[in-house]
Structures are given as structure tokens and as C-alpha cells.
Amino acid sequence: MRAQIATMLLEAVGAGTVDAVICRAPELYGPGKTESLTNSLVFDRIRAGKRPLVPVSVKTVRSLIWTTDAGRSRHEGITEILR
């Protein structure tokens, strides 16, 4: 479904019907209830006094974003667009 929406939006941008930007955040981590591997396998385990698990290769580049920062950047981006 997400791919269909992105395709429709990009077609509308290409046709000049709308101006839009598709923003995709990296994996979220931080306070609150995210379902990220980073939260459940690293931070939640540290908080519980357990050894963190990091089931990725050191050769794999990963991007993470703190949930509060993601929310702030989305709000600031929308505010800037509306100006």
C-alpha cells in the first residue's frame, strides 16, 4: 500500500499537479512505544539489566533517529512548507 501511495504521489508531482516530498525516516528509537529492534534488543535489555543483543553485521550501515528528533523535524518541516 505504501508503494502504491508513493507511486501515485510521484506521478502527480511529475504531472505538475502537486508539489511534494517523500520523507522516509531511518529506524526509530527512544522513549515511548516504538517497535524497533534497537529499542527492544538494545535499550530495553540494558534497562532490564541484561546484555544487549545487536543482531546485525558490523559491515552493515544502519541509520537511527531518536523519536523526539524525528517528531520535531517533521513538525518543523511542515511548518516551513506552510510558510
N, C-alpha and C. Protein backbone atom coordinates (compact mmCIF):
# COMPACT_ATOMS: atom_id res chain seq x y z
N MET A 1 0.82 -1.19 0.00
CA MET A 1 0.00 0.00 0.00
C MET A 1 0.87 1.26 0.00
N ARG A 2 1.94 1.25 0.80
CA ARG A 2 2.81 2.43 0.86
C ARG A 2 3.45 2.70 -0.50
N ALA A 3 3.83 1.63 -1.19
CA ALA A 3 4.43 1.80 -2.52
C ALA A 3 3.43 2.38 -3.51
N GLN A 4 2.18 1.94 -3.42
CA GLN A 4 1.14 2.47 -4.31
C GLN A 4 0.92 3.95 -4.07
N ILE A 5 0.88 4.35 -2.82
CA ILE A 5 0.68 5.76 -2.48
C ILE A 5 1.85 6.59 -2.99
N ALA A 6 3.07 6.08 -2.79
CA ALA A 6 4.26 6.80 -3.26
C ALA A 6 4.24 6.94 -4.78
N THR A 7 3.85 5.88 -5.47
CA THR A 7 3.77 5.93 -6.93
C THR A 7 2.75 6.95 -7.39
N MET A 8 1.58 6.95 -6.76
CA MET A 8 0.54 7.93 -7.12
C MET A 8 1.03 9.36 -6.88
N LEU A 9 1.69 9.57 -5.76
CA LEU A 9 2.19 10.90 -5.44
C LEU A 9 3.25 11.34 -6.44
N LEU A 10 4.19 10.46 -6.75
CA LEU A 10 5.24 10.81 -7.70
C LEU A 10 4.68 11.07 -9.09
N GLU A 11 3.65 10.34 -9.47
CA GLU A 11 3.00 10.60 -10.77
C GLU A 11 2.36 11.99 -10.77
N ALA A 12 1.73 12.36 -9.66
CA ALA A 12 1.11 13.68 -9.56
C ALA A 12 2.16 14.78 -9.58
N VAL A 13 3.29 14.54 -8.94
CA VAL A 13 4.40 15.51 -8.97
C VAL A 13 4.91 15.64 -10.40
N GLY A 14 5.09 14.51 -11.07
CA GLY A 14 5.57 14.53 -12.45
C GLY A 14 4.63 15.24 -13.40
N ALA A 15 3.34 15.14 -13.13
CA ALA A 15 2.33 15.81 -13.96
C ALA A 15 2.18 17.28 -13.61
N GLY A 16 2.85 17.72 -12.54
CA GLY A 16 2.75 19.11 -12.13
C GLY A 16 1.48 19.43 -11.35
N THR A 17 0.77 18.40 -10.92
CA THR A 17 -0.48 18.59 -10.17
C THR A 17 -0.23 19.04 -8.74
N VAL A 18 0.81 18.51 -8.12
CA VAL A 18 1.14 18.85 -6.73
C VAL A 18 2.65 19.00 -6.57
N ASP A 19 3.03 19.74 -5.54
CA ASP A 19 4.42 19.79 -5.11
C ASP A 19 4.51 18.93 -3.86
N ALA A 20 5.44 18.00 -3.82
CA ALA A 20 5.52 17.11 -2.66
C ALA A 20 6.93 16.59 -2.47
N VAL A 21 7.18 16.14 -1.28
CA VAL A 21 8.44 15.49 -0.92
C VAL A 21 8.09 14.24 -0.14
N ILE A 22 8.70 13.12 -0.46
CA ILE A 22 8.51 11.90 0.31
C ILE A 22 9.68 11.79 1.27
N CYS A 23 9.38 11.77 2.55
CA CYS A 23 10.42 11.66 3.58
C CYS A 23 10.33 10.29 4.22
N ARG A 24 11.46 9.62 4.29
CA ARG A 24 11.50 8.31 4.94
C ARG A 24 12.51 8.36 6.07
N ALA A 25 12.04 8.11 7.25
CA ALA A 25 12.92 8.13 8.43
C ALA A 25 13.65 6.80 8.56
N PRO A 26 14.84 6.85 9.12
CA PRO A 26 15.54 5.60 9.44
C PRO A 26 14.85 4.94 10.63
N GLU A 27 15.44 3.89 11.15
CA GLU A 27 14.84 3.20 12.30
C GLU A 27 14.73 4.14 13.49
N LEU A 28 13.57 4.13 14.12
CA LEU A 28 13.31 4.99 15.27
C LEU A 28 13.72 4.28 16.56
N TYR A 29 14.21 5.04 17.50
CA TYR A 29 14.46 4.52 18.85
C TYR A 29 14.23 5.65 19.82
N GLY A 30 14.00 5.31 21.06
CA GLY A 30 13.82 6.35 22.06
C GLY A 30 12.64 6.10 22.97
N PRO A 31 12.24 7.14 23.69
CA PRO A 31 11.17 6.98 24.67
C PRO A 31 9.84 6.65 24.00
N GLY A 32 8.99 6.01 24.73
CA GLY A 32 7.69 5.67 24.18
C GLY A 32 7.69 4.25 23.66
N LYS A 33 6.67 3.93 22.95
CA LYS A 33 6.47 2.56 22.50
C LYS A 33 6.78 2.42 21.02
N THR A 34 8.05 2.36 20.67
CA THR A 34 8.38 2.03 19.29
C THR A 34 8.55 0.52 19.23
N GLU A 35 8.43 -0.03 18.07
CA GLU A 35 8.60 -1.47 17.90
C GLU A 35 9.92 -1.76 17.20
N SER A 36 10.88 -0.90 17.38
CA SER A 36 12.15 -1.07 16.69
C SER A 36 13.00 -2.14 17.35
N LEU A 37 13.83 -2.76 16.55
CA LEU A 37 14.79 -3.73 17.09
C LEU A 37 15.75 -3.06 18.05
N THR A 38 16.11 -1.83 17.74
CA THR A 38 17.05 -1.10 18.60
C THR A 38 16.48 -0.94 20.00
N ASN A 39 15.23 -0.54 20.10
CA ASN A 39 14.61 -0.40 21.43
C ASN A 39 14.53 -1.73 22.15
N SER A 40 13.94 -2.74 21.49
CA SER A 40 13.67 -3.99 22.19
C SER A 40 14.91 -4.82 22.47
N LEU A 41 15.87 -4.82 21.58
CA LEU A 41 17.05 -5.67 21.78
C LEU A 41 18.22 -4.97 22.44
N VAL A 42 18.25 -3.66 22.40
CA VAL A 42 19.38 -2.94 22.99
C VAL A 42 18.94 -2.20 24.25
N PHE A 43 18.17 -1.15 24.09
CA PHE A 43 17.86 -0.26 25.23
C PHE A 43 16.96 -0.91 26.28
N ASP A 44 15.93 -1.63 25.86
CA ASP A 44 15.06 -2.29 26.84
C ASP A 44 15.84 -3.33 27.64
N ARG A 45 16.75 -4.04 26.98
CA ARG A 45 17.55 -5.05 27.68
C ARG A 45 18.54 -4.41 28.64
N ILE A 46 19.15 -3.31 28.25
CA ILE A 46 20.06 -2.60 29.16
C ILE A 46 19.28 -2.13 30.39
N ARG A 47 18.11 -1.56 30.15
CA ARG A 47 17.27 -1.07 31.25
C ARG A 47 16.91 -2.21 32.20
N ALA A 48 16.74 -3.42 31.67
CA ALA A 48 16.37 -4.58 32.50
C ALA A 48 17.59 -5.25 33.13
N GLY A 49 18.78 -4.67 32.93
CA GLY A 49 19.99 -5.25 33.50
C GLY A 49 20.53 -6.44 32.72
N LYS A 50 20.09 -6.59 31.48
CA LYS A 50 20.53 -7.71 30.64
C LYS A 50 21.54 -7.21 29.61
N ARG A 51 22.25 -8.16 29.04
CA ARG A 51 23.21 -7.85 27.98
C ARG A 51 22.45 -7.49 26.71
N PRO A 52 22.81 -6.37 26.06
CA PRO A 52 22.13 -6.01 24.82
C PRO A 52 22.46 -6.98 23.69
N LEU A 53 21.53 -7.18 22.80
CA LEU A 53 21.74 -8.01 21.62
C LEU A 53 21.73 -7.10 20.39
N VAL A 54 22.71 -7.27 19.55
CA VAL A 54 22.80 -6.46 18.33
C VAL A 54 22.96 -7.43 17.16
N PRO A 55 21.83 -7.92 16.60
CA PRO A 55 21.89 -8.96 15.56
C PRO A 55 22.11 -8.42 14.15
N VAL A 56 23.15 -7.62 13.97
CA VAL A 56 23.46 -7.10 12.64
C VAL A 56 24.95 -7.26 12.39
N SER A 57 25.32 -7.25 11.17
CA SER A 57 26.72 -7.32 10.80
C SER A 57 27.37 -5.96 11.01
N VAL A 58 28.62 -5.97 11.45
CA VAL A 58 29.35 -4.70 11.60
C VAL A 58 29.61 -4.07 10.24
N LYS A 59 29.42 -4.83 9.18
CA LYS A 59 29.63 -4.31 7.83
C LYS A 59 28.38 -3.63 7.27
N THR A 60 27.26 -3.74 7.98
CA THR A 60 26.01 -3.16 7.53
C THR A 60 25.84 -1.76 8.12
N VAL A 61 25.70 -0.78 7.25
CA VAL A 61 25.49 0.58 7.71
C VAL A 61 24.03 0.72 8.15
N ARG A 62 23.83 1.28 9.33
CA ARG A 62 22.48 1.48 9.85
C ARG A 62 22.32 2.93 10.25
N SER A 63 21.14 3.46 10.02
CA SER A 63 20.81 4.82 10.44
C SER A 63 19.71 4.74 11.48
N LEU A 64 19.88 5.51 12.54
CA LEU A 64 18.89 5.55 13.62
C LEU A 64 18.49 7.00 13.86
N ILE A 65 17.27 7.21 14.32
CA ILE A 65 16.85 8.55 14.69
C ILE A 65 16.06 8.47 15.99
N TRP A 66 16.36 9.37 16.90
CA TRP A 66 15.69 9.49 18.19
C TRP A 66 14.27 9.95 17.93
N THR A 67 13.27 9.30 18.54
CA THR A 67 11.87 9.61 18.23
C THR A 67 11.52 11.08 18.42
N THR A 68 12.06 11.70 19.46
CA THR A 68 11.78 13.11 19.71
C THR A 68 12.31 13.98 18.58
N ASP A 69 13.50 13.68 18.09
CA ASP A 69 14.08 14.44 16.98
C ASP A 69 13.28 14.24 15.70
N ALA A 70 12.81 13.02 15.47
CA ALA A 70 12.02 12.75 14.26
C ALA A 70 10.73 13.56 14.28
N GLY A 71 10.07 13.59 15.43
CA GLY A 71 8.83 14.37 15.55
C GLY A 71 9.08 15.85 15.37
N ARG A 72 10.15 16.35 15.95
CA ARG A 72 10.48 17.77 15.84
C ARG A 72 10.79 18.13 14.39
N SER A 73 11.58 17.31 13.71
CA SER A 73 11.96 17.64 12.34
C SER A 73 10.75 17.59 11.42
N ARG A 74 9.84 16.65 11.67
CA ARG A 74 8.63 16.58 10.86
C ARG A 74 7.78 17.83 11.07
N HIS A 75 7.63 18.24 12.33
CA HIS A 75 6.84 19.44 12.63
C HIS A 75 7.48 20.67 12.00
N GLU A 76 8.80 20.82 12.15
CA GLU A 76 9.49 21.98 11.60
C GLU A 76 9.42 21.98 10.08
N GLY A 77 9.52 20.79 9.47
CA GLY A 77 9.44 20.71 8.01
C GLY A 77 8.08 21.12 7.50
N ILE A 78 7.03 20.65 8.16
CA ILE A 78 5.67 21.01 7.75
C ILE A 78 5.44 22.50 7.97
N THR A 79 5.91 23.02 9.10
CA THR A 79 5.75 24.45 9.38
C THR A 79 6.44 25.28 8.31
N GLU A 80 7.63 24.86 7.89
CA GLU A 80 8.38 25.60 6.87
C GLU A 80 7.64 25.55 5.53
N ILE A 81 7.08 24.41 5.19
CA ILE A 81 6.34 24.26 3.93
C ILE A 81 5.12 25.18 3.91
N LEU A 82 4.46 25.31 5.06
CA LEU A 82 3.23 26.10 5.12
C LEU A 82 3.48 27.60 5.13
N ARG A 83 4.72 28.02 5.31
CA ARG A 83 5.02 29.47 5.32
C ARG A 83 4.96 30.05 3.95
